[in-house]
Amino acid sequence: DSVKGRFTISRDNAKNSVYLHMNSLKPEDTAVYYCNARVRTRSVPPGR
């Protein structure tokens, strides 16, 4: 709720990338930002 209307998340599957466009930034937005992804690899069972 704190970022609705100001931030926009998007992704480019061809590049395996995700983006965060941040507008109208406030001092309260100060933080370390971490990217997260749920990936499928050879060692991960199907559906996991």
ModelCIF file with pLDDT and N, C-alpha, C, O atoms, coordinates in Angstrom:
data_MODEL
#
_entry.id   MODEL 
#
_entity.id                         1 
_entity.type                       polymer 
_entity.pdbx_number_of_molecules   1 
#
_entity_poly.entity_id                      1 
_entity_poly.type                           'polypeptide(L)' 
_entity_poly.nstd_linkage                   no 
_entity_poly.nstd_monomer                   no 
_entity_poly.pdbx_seq_one_letter_code       DSVKGRFTISRDNAKNSVYLHMNSLKPEDTAVYYCNARVRTRSVPPGR 
_entity_poly.pdbx_seq_one_letter_code_can   DSVKGRFTISRDNAKNSVYLHMNSLKPEDTAVYYCNARVRTRSVPPGR 
_entity_poly.pdbx_strand_id                 A 
#
loop_
_entity_poly_seq.entity_id 
_entity_poly_seq.num 
_entity_poly_seq.mon_id 
_entity_poly_seq.hetero 
1 1  ASP n 
1 2  SER n 
1 3  VAL n 
1 4  LYS n 
1 5  GLY n 
1 6  ARG n 
1 7  PHE n 
1 8  THR n 
1 9  ILE n 
1 10 SER n 
1 11 ARG n 
1 12 ASP n 
1 13 ASN n 
1 14 ALA n 
1 15 LYS n 
1 16 ASN n 
1 17 SER n 
1 18 VAL n 
1 19 TYR n 
1 20 LEU n 
1 21 HIS n 
1 22 MET n 
1 23 ASN n 
1 24 SER n 
1 25 LEU n 
1 26 LYS n 
1 27 PRO n 
1 28 GLU n 
1 29 ASP n 
1 30 THR n 
1 31 ALA n 
1 32 VAL n 
1 33 TYR n 
1 34 TYR n 
1 35 CYS n 
1 36 ASN n 
1 37 ALA n 
1 38 ARG n 
1 39 VAL n 
1 40 ARG n 
1 41 THR n 
1 42 ARG n 
1 43 SER n 
1 44 VAL n 
1 45 PRO n 
1 46 PRO n 
1 47 GLY n 
1 48 ARG n 
#
_struct_asym.id          A 
_struct_asym.entity_id   1 
#
loop_
_ma_qa_metric.id 
_ma_qa_metric.mode 
_ma_qa_metric.name 
_ma_qa_metric.software_group_id 
_ma_qa_metric.type 
1 global pLDDT . pLDDT 
2 local  pLDDT . pLDDT 
#
_ma_qa_metric_global.metric_id      1 
_ma_qa_metric_global.metric_value   95.77 
_ma_qa_metric_global.model_id       1 
_ma_qa_metric_global.ordinal_id     1 
#
loop_
_ma_qa_metric_local.label_asym_id 
_ma_qa_metric_local.label_comp_id 
_ma_qa_metric_local.label_seq_id 
_ma_qa_metric_local.metric_id 
_ma_qa_metric_local.metric_value 
_ma_qa_metric_local.model_id 
_ma_qa_metric_local.ordinal_id 
A ASP 1  2 98.00 1 1  
A SER 2  2 97.00 1 2  
A VAL 3  2 98.00 1 3  
A LYS 4  2 98.00 1 4  
A GLY 5  2 98.00 1 5  
A ARG 6  2 98.00 1 6  
A PHE 7  2 98.00 1 7  
A THR 8  2 98.00 1 8  
A ILE 9  2 98.00 1 9  
A SER 10 2 98.00 1 10 
A ARG 11 2 97.00 1 11 
A ASP 12 2 96.00 1 12 
A ASN 13 2 94.00 1 13 
A ALA 14 2 93.00 1 14 
A LYS 15 2 95.00 1 15 
A ASN 16 2 95.00 1 16 
A SER 17 2 97.00 1 17 
A VAL 18 2 98.00 1 18 
A TYR 19 2 98.00 1 19 
A LEU 20 2 98.00 1 20 
A HIS 21 2 98.00 1 21 
A MET 22 2 98.00 1 22 
A ASN 23 2 98.00 1 23 
A SER 24 2 98.00 1 24 
A LEU 25 2 98.00 1 25 
A LYS 26 2 98.00 1 26 
A PRO 27 2 97.00 1 27 
A GLU 28 2 96.00 1 28 
A ASP 29 2 98.00 1 29 
A THR 30 2 98.00 1 30 
A ALA 31 2 98.00 1 31 
A VAL 32 2 98.00 1 32 
A TYR 33 2 98.00 1 33 
A TYR 34 2 98.00 1 34 
A CYS 35 2 98.00 1 35 
A ASN 36 2 98.00 1 36 
A ALA 37 2 97.00 1 37 
A ARG 38 2 97.00 1 38 
A VAL 39 2 95.00 1 39 
A ARG 40 2 94.00 1 40 
A THR 41 2 91.00 1 41 
A ARG 42 2 89.00 1 42 
A SER 43 2 87.00 1 43 
A VAL 44 2 88.00 1 44 
A PRO 45 2 90.00 1 45 
A PRO 46 2 87.00 1 46 
A GLY 47 2 86.00 1 47 
A ARG 48 2 91.00 1 48 
#
loop_
_atom_site.group_PDB 
_atom_site.id 
_atom_site.type_symbol 
_atom_site.label_atom_id 
_atom_site.label_alt_id 
_atom_site.label_comp_id 
_atom_site.label_asym_id 
_atom_site.label_entity_id 
_atom_site.label_seq_id 
_atom_site.pdbx_PDB_ins_code 
_atom_site.Cartn_x 
_atom_site.Cartn_y 
_atom_site.Cartn_z 
_atom_site.occupancy 
_atom_site.B_iso_or_equiv 
_atom_site.pdbx_formal_charge 
_atom_site.auth_seq_id 
_atom_site.auth_comp_id 
_atom_site.auth_asym_id 
_atom_site.auth_atom_id 
_atom_site.pdbx_PDB_model_num 
ATOM 1   N N  . ASP A 1 1  ? 0.812  -1.211  0.000   1.00 98.00 ? 1  ASP A N  1 
ATOM 2   C CA . ASP A 1 1  ? 0.000  0.000   0.000   1.00 98.00 ? 1  ASP A CA 1 
ATOM 3   C C  . ASP A 1 1  ? 0.851  1.269   0.000   1.00 98.00 ? 1  ASP A C  1 
ATOM 4   O O  . ASP A 1 1  ? 0.461  2.283   -0.579  1.00 98.00 ? 1  ASP A O  1 
ATOM 5   N N  . SER A 1 2  ? 1.991  1.210   0.638   1.00 97.00 ? 2  SER A N  1 
ATOM 6   C CA . SER A 1 2  ? 2.841  2.380   0.764   1.00 97.00 ? 2  SER A CA 1 
ATOM 7   C C  . SER A 1 2  ? 3.464  2.845   -0.550  1.00 97.00 ? 2  SER A C  1 
ATOM 8   O O  . SER A 1 2  ? 3.932  3.979   -0.645  1.00 97.00 ? 2  SER A O  1 
ATOM 9   N N  . VAL A 1 3  ? 3.473  1.980   -1.561  1.00 98.00 ? 3  VAL A N  1 
ATOM 10  C CA . VAL A 1 3  ? 4.103  2.347   -2.829  1.00 98.00 ? 3  VAL A CA 1 
ATOM 11  C C  . VAL A 1 3  ? 3.130  2.365   -4.003  1.00 98.00 ? 3  VAL A C  1 
ATOM 12  O O  . VAL A 1 3  ? 3.519  2.714   -5.118  1.00 98.00 ? 3  VAL A O  1 
ATOM 13  N N  . LYS A 1 4  ? 1.896  2.001   -3.777  1.00 98.00 ? 4  LYS A N  1 
ATOM 14  C CA . LYS A 1 4  ? 0.906  1.994   -4.853  1.00 98.00 ? 4  LYS A CA 1 
ATOM 15  C C  . LYS A 1 4  ? 0.768  3.376   -5.474  1.00 98.00 ? 4  LYS A C  1 
ATOM 16  O O  . LYS A 1 4  ? 0.674  4.383   -4.772  1.00 98.00 ? 4  LYS A O  1 
ATOM 17  N N  . GLY A 1 5  ? 0.759  3.406   -6.787  1.00 98.00 ? 5  GLY A N  1 
ATOM 18  C CA . GLY A 1 5  ? 0.637  4.661   -7.499  1.00 98.00 ? 5  GLY A CA 1 
ATOM 19  C C  . GLY A 1 5  ? 1.952  5.353   -7.744  1.00 98.00 ? 5  GLY A C  1 
ATOM 20  O O  . GLY A 1 5  ? 2.018  6.306   -8.520  1.00 98.00 ? 5  GLY A O  1 
ATOM 21  N N  . ARG A 1 6  ? 3.010  4.888   -7.091  1.00 98.00 ? 6  ARG A N  1 
ATOM 22  C CA . ARG A 1 6  ? 4.322  5.503   -7.245  1.00 98.00 ? 6  ARG A CA 1 
ATOM 23  C C  . ARG A 1 6  ? 5.350  4.564   -7.875  1.00 98.00 ? 6  ARG A C  1 
ATOM 24  O O  . ARG A 1 6  ? 6.208  5.001   -8.642  1.00 98.00 ? 6  ARG A O  1 
ATOM 25  N N  . PHE A 1 7  ? 5.261  3.284   -7.552  1.00 98.00 ? 7  PHE A N  1 
ATOM 26  C CA . PHE A 1 7  ? 6.213  2.296   -8.061  1.00 98.00 ? 7  PHE A CA 1 
ATOM 27  C C  . PHE A 1 7  ? 5.552  1.413   -9.106  1.00 98.00 ? 7  PHE A C  1 
ATOM 28  O O  . PHE A 1 7  ? 4.345  1.174   -9.057  1.00 98.00 ? 7  PHE A O  1 
ATOM 29  N N  . THR A 1 8  ? 6.338  0.937   -10.039 1.00 98.00 ? 8  THR A N  1 
ATOM 30  C CA . THR A 1 8  ? 5.861  0.017   -11.056 1.00 98.00 ? 8  THR A CA 1 
ATOM 31  C C  . THR A 1 8  ? 6.860  -1.117  -11.230 1.00 98.00 ? 8  THR A C  1 
ATOM 32  O O  . THR A 1 8  ? 8.043  -0.880  -11.475 1.00 98.00 ? 8  THR A O  1 
ATOM 33  N N  . ILE A 1 9  ? 6.383  -2.342  -11.103 1.00 98.00 ? 9  ILE A N  1 
ATOM 34  C CA . ILE A 1 9  ? 7.235  -3.500  -11.312 1.00 98.00 ? 9  ILE A CA 1 
ATOM 35  C C  . ILE A 1 9  ? 6.959  -4.076  -12.700 1.00 98.00 ? 9  ILE A C  1 
ATOM 36  O O  . ILE A 1 9  ? 5.815  -4.105  -13.154 1.00 98.00 ? 9  ILE A O  1 
ATOM 37  N N  . SER A 1 10 ? 8.004  -4.527  -13.357 1.00 98.00 ? 10 SER A N  1 
ATOM 38  C CA . SER A 1 10 ? 7.861  -5.128  -14.681 1.00 98.00 ? 10 SER A CA 1 
ATOM 39  C C  . SER A 1 10 ? 8.938  -6.194  -14.855 1.00 98.00 ? 10 SER A C  1 
ATOM 40  O O  . SER A 1 10 ? 9.882  -6.267  -14.067 1.00 98.00 ? 10 SER A O  1 
ATOM 41  N N  . ARG A 1 11 ? 8.794  -7.008  -15.879 1.00 97.00 ? 11 ARG A N  1 
ATOM 42  C CA . ARG A 1 11 ? 9.789  -8.049  -16.121 1.00 97.00 ? 11 ARG A CA 1 
ATOM 43  C C  . ARG A 1 11 ? 9.987  -8.271  -17.608 1.00 97.00 ? 11 ARG A C  1 
ATOM 44  O O  . ARG A 1 11 ? 9.108  -7.991  -18.423 1.00 97.00 ? 11 ARG A O  1 
ATOM 45  N N  . ASP A 1 12 ? 11.152 -8.778  -17.937 1.00 96.00 ? 12 ASP A N  1 
ATOM 46  C CA . ASP A 1 12 ? 11.493 -9.133  -19.301 1.00 96.00 ? 12 ASP A CA 1 
ATOM 47  C C  . ASP A 1 12 ? 11.953 -10.580 -19.246 1.00 96.00 ? 12 ASP A C  1 
ATOM 48  O O  . ASP A 1 12 ? 13.094 -10.862 -18.880 1.00 96.00 ? 12 ASP A O  1 
ATOM 49  N N  . ASN A 1 13 ? 11.076 -11.487 -19.607 1.00 94.00 ? 13 ASN A N  1 
ATOM 50  C CA . ASN A 1 13 ? 11.389 -12.909 -19.500 1.00 94.00 ? 13 ASN A CA 1 
ATOM 51  C C  . ASN A 1 13 ? 12.536 -13.343 -20.404 1.00 94.00 ? 13 ASN A C  1 
ATOM 52  O O  . ASN A 1 13 ? 13.278 -14.267 -20.071 1.00 94.00 ? 13 ASN A O  1 
ATOM 53  N N  . ALA A 1 14 ? 12.680 -12.684 -21.536 1.00 93.00 ? 14 ALA A N  1 
ATOM 54  C CA . ALA A 1 14 ? 13.770 -13.019 -22.449 1.00 93.00 ? 14 ALA A CA 1 
ATOM 55  C C  . ALA A 1 14 ? 15.123 -12.702 -21.847 1.00 93.00 ? 14 ALA A C  1 
ATOM 56  O O  . ALA A 1 14 ? 16.126 -13.327 -22.192 1.00 93.00 ? 14 ALA A O  1 
ATOM 57  N N  . LYS A 1 15 ? 15.152 -11.729 -20.944 1.00 95.00 ? 15 LYS A N  1 
ATOM 58  C CA . LYS A 1 15 ? 16.396 -11.319 -20.301 1.00 95.00 ? 15 LYS A CA 1 
ATOM 59  C C  . LYS A 1 15 ? 16.519 -11.838 -18.874 1.00 95.00 ? 15 LYS A C  1 
ATOM 60  O O  . LYS A 1 15 ? 17.503 -11.556 -18.190 1.00 95.00 ? 15 LYS A O  1 
ATOM 61  N N  . ASN A 1 16 ? 15.524 -12.596 -18.424 1.00 95.00 ? 16 ASN A N  1 
ATOM 62  C CA . ASN A 1 16 ? 15.495 -13.084 -17.035 1.00 95.00 ? 16 ASN A CA 1 
ATOM 63  C C  . ASN A 1 16 ? 15.660 -11.928 -16.053 1.00 95.00 ? 16 ASN A C  1 
ATOM 64  O O  . ASN A 1 16 ? 16.388 -12.028 -15.065 1.00 95.00 ? 16 ASN A O  1 
ATOM 65  N N  . SER A 1 17 ? 14.976 -10.842 -16.344 1.00 97.00 ? 17 SER A N  1 
ATOM 66  C CA . SER A 1 17 ? 15.133 -9.636  -15.546 1.00 97.00 ? 17 SER A CA 1 
ATOM 67  C C  . SER A 1 17 ? 13.812 -9.124  -14.997 1.00 97.00 ? 17 SER A C  1 
ATOM 68  O O  . SER A 1 17 ? 12.742 -9.370  -15.554 1.00 97.00 ? 17 SER A O  1 
ATOM 69  N N  . VAL A 1 18 ? 13.920 -8.408  -13.897 1.00 98.00 ? 18 VAL A N  1 
ATOM 70  C CA . VAL A 1 18 ? 12.781 -7.739  -13.299 1.00 98.00 ? 18 VAL A CA 1 
ATOM 71  C C  . VAL A 1 18 ? 13.227 -6.327  -12.940 1.00 98.00 ? 18 VAL A C  1 
ATOM 72  O O  . VAL A 1 18 ? 14.381 -6.101  -12.576 1.00 98.00 ? 18 VAL A O  1 
ATOM 73  N N  . TYR A 1 19 ? 12.301 -5.383  -13.047 1.00 98.00 ? 19 TYR A N  1 
ATOM 74  C CA . TYR A 1 19 ? 12.629 -3.983  -12.830 1.00 98.00 ? 19 TYR A CA 1 
ATOM 75  C C  . TYR A 1 19 ? 11.666 -3.350  -11.842 1.00 98.00 ? 19 TYR A C  1 
ATOM 76  O O  . TYR A 1 19 ? 10.537 -3.809  -11.669 1.00 98.00 ? 19 TYR A O  1 
ATOM 77  N N  . LEU A 1 20 ? 12.124 -2.300  -11.206 1.00 98.00 ? 20 LEU A N  1 
ATOM 78  C CA . LEU A 1 20 ? 11.281 -1.524  -10.312 1.00 98.00 ? 20 LEU A CA 1 
ATOM 79  C C  . LEU A 1 20 ? 11.487 -0.051  -10.626 1.00 98.00 ? 20 LEU A C  1 
ATOM 80  O O  . LEU A 1 20 ? 12.548 0.513   -10.364 1.00 98.00 ? 20 LEU A O  1 
ATOM 81  N N  . HIS A 1 21 ? 10.456 0.558   -11.191 1.00 98.00 ? 21 HIS A N  1 
ATOM 82  C CA . HIS A 1 21 ? 10.493 1.989   -11.482 1.00 98.00 ? 21 HIS A CA 1 
ATOM 83  C C  . HIS A 1 21 ? 9.878  2.721   -10.308 1.00 98.00 ? 21 HIS A C  1 
ATOM 84  O O  . HIS A 1 21 ? 8.716  2.499   -9.970  1.00 98.00 ? 21 HIS A O  1 
ATOM 85  N N  . MET A 1 22 ? 10.650 3.587   -9.690  1.00 98.00 ? 22 MET A N  1 
ATOM 86  C CA . MET A 1 22 ? 10.219 4.290   -8.503  1.00 98.00 ? 22 MET A CA 1 
ATOM 87  C C  . MET A 1 22 ? 10.097 5.778   -8.792  1.00 98.00 ? 22 MET A C  1 
ATOM 88  O O  . MET A 1 22 ? 11.061 6.422   -9.206  1.00 98.00 ? 22 MET A O  1 
ATOM 89  N N  . ASN A 1 23 ? 8.916  6.310   -8.571  1.00 98.00 ? 23 ASN A N  1 
ATOM 90  C CA . ASN A 1 23 ? 8.649  7.726   -8.781  1.00 98.00 ? 23 ASN A CA 1 
ATOM 91  C C  . ASN A 1 23 ? 8.186  8.374   -7.486  1.00 98.00 ? 23 ASN A C  1 
ATOM 92  O O  . ASN A 1 23 ? 7.782  7.693   -6.543  1.00 98.00 ? 23 ASN A O  1 
ATOM 93  N N  . SER A 1 24 ? 8.250  9.692   -7.456  1.00 98.00 ? 24 SER A N  1 
ATOM 94  C CA . SER A 1 24 ? 7.803  10.455  -6.294  1.00 98.00 ? 24 SER A CA 1 
ATOM 95  C C  . SER A 1 24 ? 8.379  9.883   -5.005  1.00 98.00 ? 24 SER A C  1 
ATOM 96  O O  . SER A 1 24 ? 7.659  9.655   -4.033  1.00 98.00 ? 24 SER A O  1 
ATOM 97  N N  . LEU A 1 25 ? 9.658  9.661   -5.013  1.00 98.00 ? 25 LEU A N  1 
ATOM 98  C CA . LEU A 1 25 ? 10.317 9.028   -3.877  1.00 98.00 ? 25 LEU A CA 1 
ATOM 99  C C  . LEU A 1 25 ? 10.248 9.876   -2.615  1.00 98.00 ? 25 LEU A C  1 
ATOM 100 O O  . LEU A 1 25 ? 10.324 11.104  -2.660  1.00 98.00 ? 25 LEU A O  1 
ATOM 101 N N  . LYS A 1 26 ? 10.104 9.190   -1.501  1.00 98.00 ? 26 LYS A N  1 
ATOM 102 C CA . LYS A 1 26 ? 10.010 9.815   -0.200  1.00 98.00 ? 26 LYS A CA 1 
ATOM 103 C C  . LYS A 1 26 ? 11.157 9.342   0.685   1.00 98.00 ? 26 LYS A C  1 
ATOM 104 O O  . LYS A 1 26 ? 11.723 8.276   0.439   1.00 98.00 ? 26 LYS A O  1 
ATOM 105 N N  . PRO A 1 27 ? 11.508 10.110  1.705   1.00 97.00 ? 27 PRO A N  1 
ATOM 106 C CA . PRO A 1 27 ? 12.556 9.659   2.624   1.00 97.00 ? 27 PRO A CA 1 
ATOM 107 C C  . PRO A 1 27 ? 12.248 8.297   3.232   1.00 97.00 ? 27 PRO A C  1 
ATOM 108 O O  . PRO A 1 27 ? 13.162 7.529   3.533   1.00 97.00 ? 27 PRO A O  1 
ATOM 109 N N  . GLU A 1 28 ? 10.969 7.997   3.413   1.00 96.00 ? 28 GLU A N  1 
ATOM 110 C CA . GLU A 1 28 ? 10.559 6.717   3.974   1.00 96.00 ? 28 GLU A CA 1 
ATOM 111 C C  . GLU A 1 28 ? 10.874 5.540   3.057   1.00 96.00 ? 28 GLU A C  1 
ATOM 112 O O  . GLU A 1 28 ? 10.819 4.389   3.490   1.00 96.00 ? 28 GLU A O  1 
ATOM 113 N N  . ASP A 1 29 ? 11.202 5.812   1.807   1.00 98.00 ? 29 ASP A N  1 
ATOM 114 C CA . ASP A 1 29 ? 11.562 4.760   0.866   1.00 98.00 ? 29 ASP A CA 1 
ATOM 115 C C  . ASP A 1 29 ? 13.018 4.332   1.008   1.00 98.00 ? 29 ASP A C  1 
ATOM 116 O O  . ASP A 1 29 ? 13.442 3.353   0.394   1.00 98.00 ? 29 ASP A O  1 
ATOM 117 N N  . THR A 1 30 ? 13.773 5.052   1.804   1.00 98.00 ? 30 THR A N  1 
ATOM 118 C CA . THR A 1 30 ? 15.180 4.726   2.005   1.00 98.00 ? 30 THR A CA 1 
ATOM 119 C C  . THR A 1 30 ? 15.321 3.334   2.601   1.00 98.00 ? 30 THR A C  1 
ATOM 120 O O  . THR A 1 30 ? 14.762 3.037   3.657   1.00 98.00 ? 30 THR A O  1 
ATOM 121 N N  . ALA A 1 31 ? 16.073 2.489   1.913   1.00 98.00 ? 31 ALA A N  1 
ATOM 122 C CA . ALA A 1 31 ? 16.250 1.108   2.355   1.00 98.00 ? 31 ALA A CA 1 
ATOM 123 C C  . ALA A 1 31 ? 17.188 0.382   1.402   1.00 98.00 ? 31 ALA A C  1 
ATOM 124 O O  . ALA A 1 31 ? 17.537 0.892   0.337   1.00 98.00 ? 31 ALA A O  1 
ATOM 125 N N  . VAL A 1 32 ? 17.586 -0.806  1.804   1.00 98.00 ? 32 VAL A N  1 
ATOM 126 C CA . VAL A 1 32 ? 18.275 -1.705  0.894   1.00 98.00 ? 32 VAL A CA 1 
ATOM 127 C C  . VAL A 1 32 ? 17.201 -2.512  0.188   1.00 98.00 ? 32 VAL A C  1 
ATOM 128 O O  . VAL A 1 32 ? 16.369 -3.146  0.836   1.00 98.00 ? 32 VAL A O  1 
ATOM 129 N N  . TYR A 1 33 ? 17.216 -2.489  -1.121  1.00 98.00 ? 33 TYR A N  1 
ATOM 130 C CA . TYR A 1 33 ? 16.221 -3.185  -1.911  1.00 98.00 ? 33 TYR A CA 1 
ATOM 131 C C  . TYR A 1 33 ? 16.788 -4.498  -2.429  1.00 98.00 ? 33 TYR A C  1 
ATOM 132 O O  . TYR A 1 33 ? 17.883 -4.538  -2.989  1.00 98.00 ? 33 TYR A O  1 
ATOM 133 N N  . TYR A 1 34 ? 16.029 -5.567  -2.235  1.00 98.00 ? 34 TYR A N  1 
ATOM 134 C CA . TYR A 1 34 ? 16.460 -6.902  -2.619  1.00 98.00 ? 34 TYR A CA 1 
ATOM 135 C C  . TYR A 1 34 ? 15.548 -7.489  -3.689  1.00 98.00 ? 34 TYR A C  1 
ATOM 136 O O  . TYR A 1 34 ? 14.324 -7.389  -3.609  1.00 98.00 ? 34 TYR A O  1 
ATOM 137 N N  . CYS A 1 35 ? 16.156 -8.090  -4.666  1.00 98.00 ? 35 CYS A N  1 
ATOM 138 C CA . CYS A 1 35 ? 15.425 -8.801  -5.699  1.00 98.00 ? 35 CYS A CA 1 
ATOM 139 C C  . CYS A 1 35 ? 15.191 -10.237 -5.246  1.00 98.00 ? 35 CYS A C  1 
ATOM 140 O O  . CYS A 1 35 ? 16.041 -10.836 -4.587  1.00 98.00 ? 35 CYS A O  1 
ATOM 141 N N  . ASN A 1 36 ? 14.048 -10.777 -5.600  1.00 98.00 ? 36 ASN A N  1 
ATOM 142 C CA . ASN A 1 36 ? 13.701 -12.148 -5.244  1.00 98.00 ? 36 ASN A CA 1 
ATOM 143 C C  . ASN A 1 36 ? 13.096 -12.855 -6.446  1.00 98.00 ? 36 ASN A C  1 
ATOM 144 O O  . ASN A 1 36 ? 12.351 -12.261 -7.225  1.00 98.00 ? 36 ASN A O  1 
ATOM 145 N N  . ALA A 1 37 ? 13.424 -14.126 -6.583  1.00 97.00 ? 37 ALA A N  1 
ATOM 146 C CA . ALA A 1 37 ? 12.850 -14.902 -7.673  1.00 97.00 ? 37 ALA A CA 1 
ATOM 147 C C  . ALA A 1 37 ? 12.703 -16.356 -7.266  1.00 97.00 ? 37 ALA A C  1 
ATOM 148 O O  . ALA A 1 37 ? 13.514 -16.885 -6.505  1.00 97.00 ? 37 ALA A O  1 
ATOM 149 N N  . ARG A 1 38 ? 11.673 -16.990 -7.774  1.00 97.00 ? 38 ARG A N  1 
ATOM 150 C CA . ARG A 1 38 ? 11.463 -18.422 -7.583  1.00 97.00 ? 38 ARG A CA 1 
ATOM 151 C C  . ARG A 1 38 ? 11.814 -19.091 -8.906  1.00 97.00 ? 38 ARG A C  1 
ATOM 152 O O  . ARG A 1 38 ? 11.128 -18.918 -9.914  1.00 97.00 ? 38 ARG A O  1 
ATOM 153 N N  . VAL A 1 39 ? 12.900 -19.859 -8.875  1.00 95.00 ? 39 VAL A N  1 
ATOM 154 C CA . VAL A 1 39 ? 13.430 -20.438 -10.107 1.00 95.00 ? 39 VAL A CA 1 
ATOM 155 C C  . VAL A 1 39 ? 13.347 -21.954 -10.102 1.00 95.00 ? 39 VAL A C  1 
ATOM 156 O O  . VAL A 1 39 ? 13.353 -22.593 -9.050  1.00 95.00 ? 39 VAL A O  1 
ATOM 157 N N  . ARG A 1 40 ? 13.271 -22.510 -11.295 1.00 94.00 ? 40 ARG A N  1 
ATOM 158 C CA . ARG A 1 40 ? 13.265 -23.948 -11.476 1.00 94.00 ? 40 ARG A CA 1 
ATOM 159 C C  . ARG A 1 40 ? 14.611 -24.372 -12.037 1.00 94.00 ? 40 ARG A C  1 
ATOM 160 O O  . ARG A 1 40 ? 15.064 -23.836 -13.048 1.00 94.00 ? 40 ARG A O  1 
ATOM 161 N N  . THR A 1 41 ? 15.248 -25.333 -11.385 1.00 91.00 ? 41 THR A N  1 
ATOM 162 C CA . THR A 1 41 ? 16.532 -25.864 -11.832 1.00 91.00 ? 41 THR A CA 1 
ATOM 163 C C  . THR A 1 41 ? 16.450 -27.374 -11.917 1.00 91.00 ? 41 THR A C  1 
ATOM 164 O O  . THR A 1 41 ? 15.425 -27.968 -11.584 1.00 91.00 ? 41 THR A O  1 
ATOM 165 N N  . ARG A 1 42 ? 17.528 -27.989 -12.360 1.00 89.00 ? 42 ARG A N  1 
ATOM 166 C CA . ARG A 1 42 ? 17.570 -29.446 -12.501 1.00 89.00 ? 42 ARG A CA 1 
ATOM 167 C C  . ARG A 1 42 ? 17.379 -30.152 -11.165 1.00 89.00 ? 42 ARG A C  1 
ATOM 168 O O  . ARG A 1 42 ? 16.829 -31.252 -11.120 1.00 89.00 ? 42 ARG A O  1 
ATOM 169 N N  . SER A 1 43 ? 17.819 -29.544 -10.097 1.00 87.00 ? 43 SER A N  1 
ATOM 170 C CA . SER A 1 43 ? 17.749 -30.164 -8.787  1.00 87.00 ? 43 SER A CA 1 
ATOM 171 C C  . SER A 1 43 ? 16.413 -29.958 -8.081  1.00 87.00 ? 43 SER A C  1 
ATOM 172 O O  . SER A 1 43 ? 16.194 -30.502 -6.999  1.00 87.00 ? 43 SER A O  1 
ATOM 173 N N  . VAL A 1 44 ? 15.530 -29.188 -8.677  1.00 88.00 ? 44 VAL A N  1 
ATOM 174 C CA . VAL A 1 44 ? 14.238 -28.897 -8.068  1.00 88.00 ? 44 VAL A CA 1 
ATOM 175 C C  . VAL A 1 44 ? 13.165 -29.825 -8.640  1.00 88.00 ? 44 VAL A C  1 
ATOM 176 O O  . VAL A 1 44 ? 13.019 -29.916 -9.859  1.00 88.00 ? 44 VAL A O  1 
ATOM 177 N N  . PRO A 1 45 ? 12.412 -30.516 -7.777  1.00 90.00 ? 45 PRO A N  1 
ATOM 178 C CA . PRO A 1 45 ? 11.345 -31.412 -8.248  1.00 90.00 ? 45 PRO A CA 1 
ATOM 179 C C  . PRO A 1 45 ? 10.292 -30.652 -9.044  1.00 90.00 ? 45 PRO A C  1 
ATOM 180 O O  . PRO A 1 45 ? 10.101 -29.454 -8.834  1.00 90.00 ? 45 PRO A O  1 
ATOM 181 N N  . PRO A 1 46 ? 9.609  -31.336 -9.954  1.00 87.00 ? 46 PRO A N  1 
ATOM 182 C CA . PRO A 1 46 ? 8.539  -30.685 -10.725 1.00 87.00 ? 46 PRO A CA 1 
ATOM 183 C C  . PRO A 1 46 ? 7.515  -30.049 -9.819  1.00 87.00 ? 46 PRO A C  1 
ATOM 184 O O  . PRO A 1 46 ? 7.101  -30.633 -8.817  1.00 87.00 ? 46 PRO A O  1 
ATOM 185 N N  . GLY A 1 47 ? 7.110  -28.851 -10.179 1.00 86.00 ? 47 GLY A N  1 
ATOM 186 C CA . GLY A 1 47 ? 6.126  -28.129 -9.403  1.00 86.00 ? 47 GLY A CA 1 
ATOM 187 C C  . GLY A 1 47 ? 6.692  -27.380 -8.222  1.00 86.00 ? 47 GLY A C  1 
ATOM 188 O O  . GLY A 1 47 ? 5.955  -26.709 -7.501  1.00 86.00 ? 47 GLY A O  1 
ATOM 189 N N  . ARG A 1 48 ? 7.980  -27.484 -8.015  1.00 91.00 ? 48 ARG A N  1 
ATOM 190 C CA . ARG A 1 48 ? 8.648  -26.793 -6.916  1.00 91.00 ? 48 ARG A CA 1 
ATOM 191 C C  . ARG A 1 48 ? 9.622  -25.761 -7.465  1.00 91.00 ? 48 ARG A C  1 
ATOM 192 O O  . ARG A 1 48 ? 10.288 -25.069 -6.694  1.00 91.00 ? 48 ARG A O  1 
#
